[in-house]
Amino acid sequence: MRILKRFTLLFDCPNGILYLEPSVAYNKPDIFNRAGLIVDPDPVRARIRMVIPGSPAAEAGLEPNDVITQIDGVPPTDASLISAFERPVGTTIRLTVLHLGTVRNVSCILRDVL
């Protein structure tokens, strides 16, 4: 529902009408995961589902089915799995991942991917 941030919502309850008016965020691009990852939203087992080719995550050697065990030294949570990868362009994220039974430490320098 992030697209709704681009609008001001007006409800006409008596008539059952919803009005959408463009807000100040209407023409601003949406931030996609700046590491280029799609991760299962389960902090108990934050498995990487997809890595976008040419993205910072791909350059760091991350692969589908790797499991993120730490983000900047802290176990991931629902919130950190989203917010960590939406930090400003140029931010370095340090990830600890489980790759085929081996623990690896990698760094991703965030940039706009899409």
PDB file of N, CA and C in Angstrom:
ATOM      1  N   MET A   1       0.808  -1.202   0.000  1.00  0.00           N
ATOM      2  CA  MET A   1       0.000   0.000   0.000  1.00  0.00           C
ATOM      3  C   MET A   1       0.854   1.271   0.000  1.00  0.00           C
ATOM      4  N   ARG A   2       2.132   1.126  -0.332  1.00  0.00           N
ATOM      5  CA  ARG A   2       3.005   2.303  -0.343  1.00  0.00           C
ATOM      6  C   ARG A   2       2.579   3.317  -1.386  1.00  0.00           C
ATOM      7  N   ILE A   3       1.872   2.891  -2.401  1.00  0.00           N
ATOM      8  CA  ILE A   3       1.436   3.824  -3.438  1.00  0.00           C
ATOM      9  C   ILE A   3       0.485   4.877  -2.874  1.00  0.00           C
ATOM     10  N   LEU A   4      -0.229   4.549  -1.805  1.00  0.00           N
ATOM     11  CA  LEU A   4      -1.175   5.504  -1.222  1.00  0.00           C
ATOM     12  C   LEU A   4      -0.469   6.703  -0.603  1.00  0.00           C
ATOM     13  N   LYS A   5       0.838   6.596  -0.326  1.00  0.00           N
ATOM     14  CA  LYS A   5       1.590   7.743   0.191  1.00  0.00           C
ATOM     15  C   LYS A   5       1.654   8.874  -0.829  1.00  0.00           C
ATOM     16  N   ARG A   6       1.377   8.568  -2.063  1.00  0.00           N
ATOM     17  CA  ARG A   6       1.426   9.575  -3.123  1.00  0.00           C
ATOM     18  C   ARG A   6       0.150  10.412  -3.207  1.00  0.00           C
ATOM     19  N   PHE A   7      -0.838  10.083  -2.370  1.00  0.00           N
ATOM     20  CA  PHE A   7      -2.135  10.751  -2.441  1.00  0.00           C
ATOM     21  C   PHE A   7      -2.608  11.222  -1.072  1.00  0.00           C
ATOM     22  N   THR A   8      -3.439  12.249  -1.095  1.00  0.00           N
ATOM     23  CA  THR A   8      -4.209  12.645   0.073  1.00  0.00           C
ATOM     24  C   THR A   8      -5.563  11.978  -0.089  1.00  0.00           C
ATOM     25  N   LEU A   9      -5.980  11.247   0.930  1.00  0.00           N
ATOM     26  CA  LEU A   9      -7.238  10.510   0.861  1.00  0.00           C
ATOM     27  C   LEU A   9      -8.353  11.313   1.517  1.00  0.00           C
ATOM     28  N   LEU A  10      -9.439  11.462   0.816  1.00  0.00           N
ATOM     29  CA  LEU A  10     -10.609  12.152   1.343  1.00  0.00           C
ATOM     30  C   LEU A  10     -11.794  11.194   1.295  1.00  0.00           C
ATOM     31  N   PHE A  11     -12.434  11.011   2.446  1.00  0.00           N
ATOM     32  CA  PHE A  11     -13.572  10.097   2.538  1.00  0.00           C
ATOM     33  C   PHE A  11     -14.864  10.901   2.654  1.00  0.00           C
ATOM     34  N   ASP A  12     -15.802  10.600   1.778  1.00  0.00           N
ATOM     35  CA  ASP A  12     -17.153  11.143   1.863  1.00  0.00           C
ATOM     36  C   ASP A  12     -18.023   9.986   2.354  1.00  0.00           C
ATOM     37  N   CYS A  13     -18.033   9.806   3.679  1.00  0.00           N
ATOM     38  CA  CYS A  13     -18.713   8.646   4.267  1.00  0.00           C
ATOM     39  C   CYS A  13     -20.210   8.591   3.969  1.00  0.00           C
ATOM     40  N   PRO A  14     -20.942   9.712   4.108  1.00  0.00           N
ATOM     41  CA  PRO A  14     -22.388   9.620   3.854  1.00  0.00           C
ATOM     42  C   PRO A  14     -22.727   9.134   2.444  1.00  0.00           C
ATOM     43  N   ASN A  15     -21.864   9.479   1.470  1.00  0.00           N
ATOM     44  CA  ASN A  15     -22.137   9.084   0.091  1.00  0.00           C
ATOM     45  C   ASN A  15     -21.320   7.868  -0.352  1.00  0.00           C
ATOM     46  N   GLY A  16     -20.436   7.360   0.530  1.00  0.00           N
ATOM     47  CA  GLY A  16     -19.640   6.188   0.205  1.00  0.00           C
ATOM     48  C   GLY A  16     -18.654   6.416  -0.925  1.00  0.00           C
ATOM     49  N   ILE A  17     -18.016   7.600  -0.920  1.00  0.00           N
ATOM     50  CA  ILE A  17     -17.080   7.940  -2.000  1.00  0.00           C
ATOM     51  C   ILE A  17     -15.696   8.208  -1.403  1.00  0.00           C
ATOM     52  N   LEU A  18     -14.675   7.727  -2.091  1.00  0.00           N
ATOM     53  CA  LEU A  18     -13.293   7.974  -1.721  1.00  0.00           C
ATOM     54  C   LEU A  18     -12.659   8.822  -2.813  1.00  0.00           C
ATOM     55  N   TYR A  19     -12.038   9.933  -2.427  1.00  0.00           N
ATOM     56  CA  TYR A  19     -11.352  10.801  -3.372  1.00  0.00           C
ATOM     57  C   TYR A  19      -9.851  10.689  -3.136  1.00  0.00           C
ATOM     58  N   LEU A  20      -9.094  10.599  -4.214  1.00  0.00           N
ATOM     59  CA  LEU A  20      -7.636  10.581  -4.150  1.00  0.00           C
ATOM     60  C   LEU A  20      -7.125  11.843  -4.819  1.00  0.00           C
ATOM     61  N   GLU A  21      -6.370  12.642  -4.053  1.00  0.00           N
ATOM     62  CA  GLU A  21      -5.765  13.848  -4.612  1.00  0.00           C
ATOM     63  C   GLU A  21      -4.257  13.699  -4.535  1.00  0.00           C
ATOM     64  N   PRO A  22      -3.541  14.033  -5.604  1.00  0.00           N
ATOM     65  CA  PRO A  22      -2.082  13.922  -5.567  1.00  0.00           C
ATOM     66  C   PRO A  22      -1.498  14.738  -4.411  1.00  0.00           C
ATOM     67  N   SER A  23      -0.562  14.144  -3.686  1.00  0.00           N
ATOM     68  CA  SER A  23       0.106  14.836  -2.586  1.00  0.00           C
ATOM     69  C   SER A  23       1.468  15.338  -3.065  1.00  0.00           C
ATOM     70  N   VAL A  24       2.253  15.911  -2.155  1.00  0.00           N
ATOM     71  CA  VAL A  24       3.592  16.407  -2.516  1.00  0.00           C
ATOM     72  C   VAL A  24       4.510  15.261  -2.929  1.00  0.00           C
ATOM     73  N   ALA A  25       4.213  14.037  -2.529  1.00  0.00           N
ATOM     74  CA  ALA A  25       5.040  12.878  -2.880  1.00  0.00           C
ATOM     75  C   ALA A  25       4.621  12.249  -4.210  1.00  0.00           C
ATOM     76  N   TYR A  26       3.638  12.829  -4.880  1.00  0.00           N
ATOM     77  CA  TYR A  26       3.066  12.217  -6.072  1.00  0.00           C
ATOM     78  C   TYR A  26       4.112  11.932  -7.160  1.00  0.00           C
ATOM     79  N   ASN A  27       4.981  12.885  -7.464  1.00  0.00           N
ATOM     80  CA  ASN A  27       5.955  12.731  -8.547  1.00  0.00           C
ATOM     81  C   ASN A  27       7.315  12.234  -8.086  1.00  0.00           C
ATOM     82  N   LYS A  28       7.454  11.899  -6.808  1.00  0.00           N
ATOM     83  CA  LYS A  28       8.737  11.409  -6.303  1.00  0.00           C
ATOM     84  C   LYS A  28       8.840   9.909  -6.558  1.00  0.00           C
ATOM     85  N   PRO A  29      10.026   9.446  -6.945  1.00  0.00           N
ATOM     86  CA  PRO A  29      10.173   8.010  -7.185  1.00  0.00           C
ATOM     87  C   PRO A  29      10.086   7.230  -5.880  1.00  0.00           C
ATOM     88  N   ASP A  30       9.565   6.028  -5.974  1.00  0.00           N
ATOM     89  CA  ASP A  30       9.493   5.151  -4.812  1.00  0.00           C
ATOM     90  C   ASP A  30      10.856   4.509  -4.620  1.00  0.00           C
ATOM     91  N   ILE A  31      11.251   4.291  -3.380  1.00  0.00           N
ATOM     92  CA  ILE A  31      12.538   3.676  -3.087  1.00  0.00           C
ATOM     93  C   ILE A  31      12.351   2.168  -3.096  1.00  0.00           C
ATOM     94  N   PHE A  32      13.088   1.514  -3.969  1.00  0.00           N
ATOM     95  CA  PHE A  32      13.114   0.056  -3.973  1.00  0.00           C
ATOM     96  C   PHE A  32      14.306  -0.368  -3.126  1.00  0.00           C
ATOM     97  N   ASN A  33      14.351  -1.594  -2.755  1.00  0.00           N
ATOM     98  CA  ASN A  33      15.459  -2.141  -1.991  1.00  0.00           C
ATOM     99  C   ASN A  33      16.770  -1.784  -2.695  1.00  0.00           C
ATOM    100  N   ARG A  34      17.563  -0.907  -2.094  1.00  0.00           N
ATOM    101  CA  ARG A  34      18.775  -0.387  -2.733  1.00  0.00           C
ATOM    102  C   ARG A  34      19.933  -1.374  -2.762  1.00  0.00           C
ATOM    103  N   ALA A  35      19.769  -2.538  -2.158  1.00  0.00           N
ATOM    104  CA  ALA A  35      20.782  -3.586  -2.272  1.00  0.00           C
ATOM    105  C   ALA A  35      20.459  -4.493  -3.455  1.00  0.00           C
ATOM    106  N   GLY A  36      19.211  -4.456  -3.916  1.00  0.00           N
ATOM    107  CA  GLY A  36      18.801  -5.303  -5.023  1.00  0.00           C
ATOM    108  C   GLY A  36      18.409  -6.705  -4.580  1.00  0.00           C
ATOM    109  N   LEU A  37      17.803  -6.790  -3.405  1.00  0.00           N
ATOM    110  CA  LEU A  37      17.402  -8.075  -2.831  1.00  0.00           C
ATOM    111  C   LEU A  37      15.899  -8.159  -2.661  1.00  0.00           C
ATOM    112  N   ILE A  38      15.378  -9.350  -2.792  1.00  0.00           N
ATOM    113  CA  ILE A  38      14.028  -9.637  -2.324  1.00  0.00           C
ATOM    114  C   ILE A  38      14.200 -10.726  -1.290  1.00  0.00           C
ATOM    115  N   VAL A  39      13.756 -10.426  -0.052  1.00  0.00           N
ATOM    116  CA  VAL A  39      13.969 -11.312   1.087  1.00  0.00           C
ATOM    117  C   VAL A  39      12.623 -11.771   1.628  1.00  0.00           C
ATOM    118  N   ASP A  40      12.535 -13.057   1.988  1.00  0.00           N
ATOM    119  CA  ASP A  40      11.329 -13.546   2.653  1.00  0.00           C
ATOM    120  C   ASP A  40      11.146 -12.768   3.943  1.00  0.00           C
ATOM    121  N   PRO A  41       9.946 -12.261   4.212  1.00  0.00           N
ATOM    122  CA  PRO A  41       9.725 -11.419   5.401  1.00  0.00           C
ATOM    123  C   PRO A  41       9.580 -12.230   6.689  1.00  0.00           C
ATOM    124  N   ASP A  42      10.555 -13.054   6.984  1.00  0.00           N
ATOM    125  CA  ASP A  42      10.528 -13.880   8.193  1.00  0.00           C
ATOM    126  C   ASP A  42      11.841 -13.680   8.926  1.00  0.00           C
ATOM    127  N   PRO A  43      11.851 -12.878  10.008  1.00  0.00           N
ATOM    128  CA  PRO A  43      13.114 -12.587  10.693  1.00  0.00           C
ATOM    129  C   PRO A  43      13.751 -13.820  11.325  1.00  0.00           C
ATOM    130  N   VAL A  44      12.983 -14.876  11.544  1.00  0.00           N
ATOM    131  CA  VAL A  44      13.565 -16.098  12.101  1.00  0.00           C
ATOM    132  C   VAL A  44      14.475 -16.751  11.063  1.00  0.00           C
ATOM    133  N   ARG A  45      14.104 -16.652   9.807  1.00  0.00           N
ATOM    134  CA  ARG A  45      14.903 -17.218   8.716  1.00  0.00           C
ATOM    135  C   ARG A  45      14.764 -16.299   7.515  1.00  0.00           C
ATOM    136  N   ALA A  46      15.542 -15.236   7.504  1.00  0.00           N
ATOM    137  CA  ALA A  46      15.472 -14.217   6.458  1.00  0.00           C
ATOM    138  C   ALA A  46      16.203 -14.719   5.210  1.00  0.00           C
ATOM    139  N   ARG A  47      15.497 -15.542   4.452  1.00  0.00           N
ATOM    140  CA  ARG A  47      16.085 -16.161   3.266  1.00  0.00           C
ATOM    141  C   ARG A  47      15.975 -15.224   2.069  1.00  0.00           C
ATOM    142  N   ILE A  48      17.063 -15.102   1.332  1.00  0.00           N
ATOM    143  CA  ILE A  48      17.068 -14.294   0.123  1.00  0.00           C
ATOM    144  C   ILE A  48      16.336 -15.076  -0.961  1.00  0.00           C
ATOM    145  N   ARG A  49      15.291 -14.462  -1.481  1.00  0.00           N
ATOM    146  CA  ARG A  49      14.490 -15.115  -2.509  1.00  0.00           C
ATOM    147  C   ARG A  49      15.030 -14.796  -3.905  1.00  0.00           C
ATOM    148  N   MET A  50      15.509 -13.536  -4.093  1.00  0.00           N
ATOM    149  CA  MET A  50      15.973 -13.131  -5.419  1.00  0.00           C
ATOM    150  C   MET A  50      17.038 -12.057  -5.284  1.00  0.00           C
ATOM    151  N   VAL A  51      18.018 -12.101  -6.180  1.00  0.00           N
ATOM    152  CA  VAL A  51      19.059 -11.081  -6.263  1.00  0.00           C
ATOM    153  C   VAL A  51      18.999 -10.492  -7.664  1.00  0.00           C
ATOM    154  N   ILE A  52      18.840  -9.194  -7.762  1.00  0.00           N
ATOM    155  CA  ILE A  52      18.746  -8.540  -9.063  1.00  0.00           C
ATOM    156  C   ILE A  52      20.143  -8.484  -9.689  1.00  0.00           C
ATOM    157  N   PRO A  53      20.284  -8.979 -10.924  1.00  0.00           N
ATOM    158  CA  PRO A  53      21.589  -8.965 -11.586  1.00  0.00           C
ATOM    159  C   PRO A  53      22.172  -7.548 -11.663  1.00  0.00           C
ATOM    160  N   GLY A  54      23.467  -7.429 -11.383  1.00  0.00           N
ATOM    161  CA  GLY A  54      24.153  -6.136 -11.443  1.00  0.00           C
ATOM    162  C   GLY A  54      23.940  -5.257 -10.230  1.00  0.00           C
ATOM    163  N   SER A  55      23.175  -5.727  -9.256  1.00  0.00           N
ATOM    164  CA  SER A  55      22.890  -4.936  -8.055  1.00  0.00           C
ATOM    165  C   SER A  55      24.051  -5.043  -7.065  1.00  0.00           C
ATOM    166  N   PRO A  56      24.059  -4.173  -6.027  1.00  0.00           N
ATOM    167  CA  PRO A  56      25.088  -4.290  -4.995  1.00  0.00           C
ATOM    168  C   PRO A  56      25.125  -5.675  -4.349  1.00  0.00           C
ATOM    169  N   ALA A  57      23.962  -6.299  -4.160  1.00  0.00           N
ATOM    170  CA  ALA A  57      23.922  -7.638  -3.570  1.00  0.00           C
ATOM    171  C   ALA A  57      24.579  -8.660  -4.493  1.00  0.00           C
ATOM    172  N   ALA A  58      24.329  -8.552  -5.789  1.00  0.00           N
ATOM    173  CA  ALA A  58      24.954  -9.466  -6.750  1.00  0.00           C
ATOM    174  C   ALA A  58      26.464  -9.259  -6.766  1.00  0.00           C
ATOM    175  N   GLU A  59      26.890  -7.998  -6.732  1.00  0.00           N
ATOM    176  CA  GLU A  59      28.321  -7.702  -6.719  1.00  0.00           C
ATOM    177  C   GLU A  59      28.998  -8.219  -5.450  1.00  0.00           C
ATOM    178  N   ALA A  60      28.240  -8.298  -4.350  1.00  0.00           N
ATOM    179  CA  ALA A  60      28.782  -8.812  -3.087  1.00  0.00           C
ATOM    180  C   ALA A  60      28.781 -10.340  -3.055  1.00  0.00           C
ATOM    181  N   GLY A  61      28.214 -10.977  -4.084  1.00  0.00           N
ATOM    182  CA  GLY A  61      28.217 -12.426  -4.161  1.00  0.00           C
ATOM    183  C   GLY A  61      27.052 -13.109  -3.472  1.00  0.00           C
ATOM    184  N   LEU A  62      26.018 -12.349  -3.109  1.00  0.00           N
ATOM    185  CA  LEU A  62      24.848 -12.960  -2.489  1.00  0.00           C
ATOM    186  C   LEU A  62      24.052 -13.724  -3.535  1.00  0.00           C
ATOM    187  N   GLU A  63      23.426 -14.806  -3.085  1.00  0.00           N
ATOM    188  CA  GLU A  63      22.677 -15.669  -3.995  1.00  0.00           C
ATOM    189  C   GLU A  63      21.334 -16.041  -3.387  1.00  0.00           C
ATOM    190  N   PRO A  64      20.371 -16.414  -4.243  1.00  0.00           N
ATOM    191  CA  PRO A  64      19.105 -16.914  -3.707  1.00  0.00           C
ATOM    192  C   PRO A  64      19.356 -18.089  -2.761  1.00  0.00           C
ATOM    193  N   ASN A  65      18.548 -18.161  -1.725  1.00  0.00           N
ATOM    194  CA  ASN A  65      18.595 -19.171  -0.666  1.00  0.00           C
ATOM    195  C   ASN A  65      19.656 -18.903   0.396  1.00  0.00           C
ATOM    196  N   ASP A  66      20.505 -17.864   0.225  1.00  0.00           N
ATOM    197  CA  ASP A  66      21.365 -17.443   1.332  1.00  0.00           C
ATOM    198  C   ASP A  66      20.438 -16.936   2.436  1.00  0.00           C
ATOM    199  N   VAL A  67      20.860 -17.076   3.680  1.00  0.00           N
ATOM    200  CA  VAL A  67      20.053 -16.631   4.810  1.00  0.00           C
ATOM    201  C   VAL A  67      20.788 -15.496   5.519  1.00  0.00           C
ATOM    202  N   ILE A  68      20.130 -14.353   5.668  1.00  0.00           N
ATOM    203  CA  ILE A  68      20.715 -13.208   6.375  1.00  0.00           C
ATOM    204  C   ILE A  68      20.553 -13.458   7.869  1.00  0.00           C
ATOM    205  N   THR A  69      21.685 -13.563   8.562  1.00  0.00           N
ATOM    206  CA  THR A  69      21.641 -13.808  10.002  1.00  0.00           C
ATOM    207  C   THR A  69      21.901 -12.542  10.809  1.00  0.00           C
ATOM    208  N   GLN A  70      22.560 -11.542  10.176  1.00  0.00           N
ATOM    209  CA  GLN A  70      22.791 -10.265  10.847  1.00  0.00           C
ATOM    210  C   GLN A  70      22.855  -9.142   9.823  1.00  0.00           C
ATOM    211  N   ILE A  71      22.350  -7.985  10.248  1.00  0.00           N
ATOM    212  CA  ILE A  71      22.474  -6.750   9.471  1.00  0.00           C
ATOM    213  C   ILE A  71      23.199  -5.766  10.365  1.00  0.00           C
ATOM    214  N   ASP A  72      24.390  -5.365   9.954  1.00  0.00           N
ATOM    215  CA  ASP A  72      25.238  -4.469  10.755  1.00  0.00           C
ATOM    216  C   ASP A  72      25.427  -5.004  12.173  1.00  0.00           C
ATOM    217  N   GLY A  73      25.631  -6.319  12.291  1.00  0.00           N
ATOM    218  CA  GLY A  73      25.931  -6.943  13.573  1.00  0.00           C
ATOM    219  C   GLY A  73      24.742  -7.266  14.455  1.00  0.00           C
ATOM    220  N   VAL A  74      23.536  -7.038  13.947  1.00  0.00           N
ATOM    221  CA  VAL A  74      22.319  -7.263  14.739  1.00  0.00           C
ATOM    222  C   VAL A  74      21.405  -8.237  13.984  1.00  0.00           C
ATOM    223  N   PRO A  75      20.817  -9.212  14.682  1.00  0.00           N
ATOM    224  CA  PRO A  75      19.878 -10.113  14.002  1.00  0.00           C
ATOM    225  C   PRO A  75      18.735  -9.321  13.354  1.00  0.00           C
ATOM    226  N   PRO A  76      18.292  -9.749  12.175  1.00  0.00           N
ATOM    227  CA  PRO A  76      17.249  -8.996  11.476  1.00  0.00           C
ATOM    228  C   PRO A  76      15.889  -9.108  12.157  1.00  0.00           C
ATOM    229  N   THR A  77      15.111  -8.051  11.997  1.00  0.00           N
ATOM    230  CA  THR A  77      13.718  -8.016  12.439  1.00  0.00           C
ATOM    231  C   THR A  77      12.869  -7.699  11.212  1.00  0.00           C
ATOM    232  N   ASP A  78      11.556  -7.779  11.365  1.00  0.00           N
ATOM    233  CA  ASP A  78      10.680  -7.396  10.246  1.00  0.00           C
ATOM    234  C   ASP A  78      11.017  -5.995   9.755  1.00  0.00           C
ATOM    235  N   ALA A  79      11.162  -5.067  10.687  1.00  0.00           N
ATOM    236  CA  ALA A  79      11.418  -3.669  10.322  1.00  0.00           C
ATOM    237  C   ALA A  79      12.789  -3.487   9.693  1.00  0.00           C
ATOM    238  N   SER A  80      13.811  -4.132  10.262  1.00  0.00           N
ATOM    239  CA  SER A  80      15.168  -3.928   9.732  1.00  0.00           C
ATOM    240  C   SER A  80      15.353  -4.569   8.362  1.00  0.00           C
ATOM    241  N   LEU A  81      14.580  -5.588   8.049  1.00  0.00           N
ATOM    242  CA  LEU A  81      14.674  -6.196   6.723  1.00  0.00           C
ATOM    243  C   LEU A  81      14.187  -5.247   5.637  1.00  0.00           C
ATOM    244  N   ILE A  82      13.397  -4.274   6.013  1.00  0.00           N
ATOM    245  CA  ILE A  82      12.938  -3.264   5.060  1.00  0.00           C
ATOM    246  C   ILE A  82      13.804  -2.010   5.157  1.00  0.00           C
ATOM    247  N   SER A  83      13.922  -1.468   6.355  1.00  0.00           N
ATOM    248  CA  SER A  83      14.587  -0.170   6.522  1.00  0.00           C
ATOM    249  C   SER A  83      16.073  -0.201   6.207  1.00  0.00           C
ATOM    250  N   ALA A  84      16.753  -1.306   6.454  1.00  0.00           N
ATOM    251  CA  ALA A  84      18.198  -1.367   6.211  1.00  0.00           C
ATOM    252  C   ALA A  84      18.527  -1.131   4.744  1.00  0.00           C
ATOM    253  N   PHE A  85      17.680  -1.629   3.862  1.00  0.00           N
ATOM    254  CA  PHE A  85      17.957  -1.539   2.440  1.00  0.00           C
ATOM    255  C   PHE A  85      17.351  -0.303   1.784  1.00  0.00           C
ATOM    256  N   GLU A  86      16.716   0.552   2.588  1.00  0.00           N
ATOM    257  CA  GLU A  86      16.168   1.813   2.081  1.00  0.00           C
ATOM    258  C   GLU A  86      16.972   3.009   2.598  1.00  0.00           C
ATOM    259  N   ARG A  87      18.113   2.737   3.211  1.00  0.00           N
ATOM    260  CA  ARG A  87      18.969   3.825   3.690  1.00  0.00           C
ATOM    261  C   ARG A  87      19.486   4.618   2.497  1.00  0.00           C
ATOM    262  N   PRO A  88      20.084   5.790   2.745  1.00  0.00           N
ATOM    263  CA  PRO A  88      20.533   6.639   1.635  1.00  0.00           C
ATOM    264  C   PRO A  88      21.562   5.963   0.718  1.00  0.00           C
ATOM    265  N   VAL A  89      21.562   6.402  -0.523  1.00  0.00           N
ATOM    266  CA  VAL A  89      22.544   5.937  -1.502  1.00  0.00           C
ATOM    267  C   VAL A  89      23.942   6.189  -0.943  1.00  0.00           C
ATOM    268  N   GLY A  90      24.830   5.214  -1.107  1.00  0.00           N
ATOM    269  CA  GLY A  90      26.205   5.328  -0.621  1.00  0.00           C
ATOM    270  C   GLY A  90      26.430   4.710   0.746  1.00  0.00           C
ATOM    271  N   THR A  91      25.362   4.355   1.452  1.00  0.00           N
ATOM    272  CA  THR A  91      25.480   3.720   2.766  1.00  0.00           C
ATOM    273  C   THR A  91      26.025   2.306   2.588  1.00  0.00           C
ATOM    274  N   THR A  92      26.974   1.917   3.425  1.00  0.00           N
ATOM    275  CA  THR A  92      27.496   0.552   3.404  1.00  0.00           C
ATOM    276  C   THR A  92      26.759  -0.285   4.440  1.00  0.00           C
ATOM    277  N   ILE A  93      26.171  -1.377   3.994  1.00  0.00           N
ATOM    278  CA  ILE A  93      25.463  -2.318   4.862  1.00  0.00           C
ATOM    279  C   ILE A  93      26.344  -3.557   4.985  1.00  0.00           C
ATOM    280  N   ARG A  94      26.583  -3.973   6.218  1.00  0.00           N
ATOM    281  CA  ARG A  94      27.362  -5.183   6.454  1.00  0.00           C
ATOM    282  C   ARG A  94      26.409  -6.323   6.822  1.00  0.00           C
ATOM    283  N   LEU A  95      26.457  -7.377   6.034  1.00  0.00           N
ATOM    284  CA  LEU A  95      25.569  -8.518   6.231  1.00  0.00           C
ATOM    285  C   LEU A  95      26.372  -9.757   6.601  1.00  0.00           C
ATOM    286  N   THR A  96      25.837 -10.519   7.531  1.00  0.00           N
ATOM    287  CA  THR A  96      26.345 -11.852   7.816  1.00  0.00           C
ATOM    288  C   THR A  96      25.315 -12.808   7.245  1.00  0.00           C
ATOM    289  N   VAL A  97      25.784 -13.694   6.365  1.00  0.00           N
ATOM    290  CA  VAL A  97      24.863 -14.606   5.697  1.00  0.00           C
ATOM    291  C   VAL A  97      25.347 -16.047   5.845  1.00  0.00           C
ATOM    292  N   LEU A  98      24.390 -16.935   5.817  1.00  0.00           N
ATOM    293  CA  LEU A  98      24.670 -18.357   5.809  1.00  0.00           C
ATOM    294  C   LEU A  98      24.533 -18.812   4.367  1.00  0.00           C
ATOM    295  N   HIS A  99      25.649 -19.249   3.774  1.00  0.00           N
ATOM    296  CA  HIS A  99      25.685 -19.645   2.365  1.00  0.00           C
ATOM    297  C   HIS A  99      26.148 -21.091   2.273  1.00  0.00           C
ATOM    298  N   LEU A 100      25.227 -21.988   1.932  1.00  0.00           N
ATOM    299  CA  LEU A 100      25.541 -23.413   1.795  1.00  0.00           C
ATOM    300  C   LEU A 100      26.262 -23.966   3.022  1.00  0.00           C
ATOM    301  N   GLY A 101      25.775 -23.578   4.210  1.00  0.00           N
ATOM    302  CA  GLY A 101      26.334 -24.077   5.457  1.00  0.00           C
ATOM    303  C   GLY A 101      27.550 -23.322   5.963  1.00  0.00           C
ATOM    304  N   THR A 102      28.009 -22.322   5.232  1.00  0.00           N
ATOM    305  CA  THR A 102      29.173 -21.530   5.621  1.00  0.00           C
ATOM    306  C   THR A 102      28.745 -20.103   5.932  1.00  0.00           C
ATOM    307  N   VAL A 103      29.253 -19.558   7.037  1.00  0.00           N
ATOM    308  CA  VAL A 103      28.955 -18.169   7.401  1.00  0.00           C
ATOM    309  C   VAL A 103      29.910 -17.257   6.641  1.00  0.00           C
ATOM    310  N   ARG A 104      29.319 -16.242   5.997  1.00  0.00           N
ATOM    311  CA  ARG A 104      30.107 -15.259   5.236  1.00  0.00           C
ATOM    312  C   ARG A 104      29.728 -13.861   5.694  1.00  0.00           C
ATOM    313  N   ASN A 105      30.696 -12.959   5.696  1.00  0.00           N
ATOM    314  CA  ASN A 105      30.454 -11.542   5.953  1.00  0.00           C
ATOM    315  C   ASN A 105      30.670 -10.792   4.659  1.00  0.00           C
ATOM    316  N   VAL A 106      29.664 -10.025   4.243  1.00  0.00           N
ATOM    317  CA  VAL A 106      29.746  -9.262   3.001  1.00  0.00           C
ATOM    318  C   VAL A 106      29.303  -7.828   3.261  1.00  0.00           C
ATOM    319  N   SER A 107      29.738  -6.933   2.391  1.00  0.00           N
ATOM    320  CA  SER A 107      29.320  -5.542   2.459  1.00  0.00           C
ATOM    321  C   SER A 107      28.655  -5.149   1.142  1.00  0.00           C
ATOM    322  N   CYS A 108      27.603  -4.354   1.242  1.00  0.00           N
ATOM    323  CA  CYS A 108      26.899  -3.822   0.075  1.00  0.00           C
ATOM    324  C   CYS A 108      26.872  -2.309   0.206  1.00  0.00           C
ATOM    325  N   ILE A 109      27.285  -1.620  -0.830  1.00  0.00           N
ATOM    326  CA  ILE A 109      27.161  -0.160  -0.883  1.00  0.00           C
ATOM    327  C   ILE A 109      25.870   0.141  -1.632  1.00  0.00           C
ATOM    328  N   LEU A 110      24.903   0.707  -0.925  1.00  0.00           N
ATOM    329  CA  LEU A 110      23.572   0.910  -1.493  1.00  0.00           C
ATOM    330  C   LEU A 110      23.569   1.939  -2.604  1.00  0.00           C
ATOM    331  N   ARG A 111      22.742   1.669  -3.599  1.00  0.00           N
ATOM    332  CA  ARG A 111      22.502   2.622  -4.694  1.00  0.00           C
ATOM    333  C   ARG A 111      21.124   2.342  -5.254  1.00  0.00           C
ATOM    334  N   ASP A 112      20.598   3.268  -6.009  1.00  0.00           N
ATOM    335  CA  ASP A 112      19.289   3.049  -6.619  1.00  0.00           C
ATOM    336  C   ASP A 112      19.439   1.953  -7.686  1.00  0.00           C
ATOM    337  N   VAL A 113      18.584   0.954  -7.581  1.00  0.00           N
ATOM    338  CA  VAL A 113      18.669  -0.197  -8.472  1.00  0.00           C
ATOM    339  C   VAL A 113      17.639  -0.082  -9.583  1.00  0.00           C
ATOM    340  N   LEU A 114      16.415   0.306  -9.242  1.00  0.00           N
ATOM    341  CA  LEU A 114      15.355   0.438 -10.241  1.00  0.00           C
ATOM    342  C   LEU A 114      14.959   1.884 -10.402  1.00  0.00           C
TER     343      LEU A 114
END
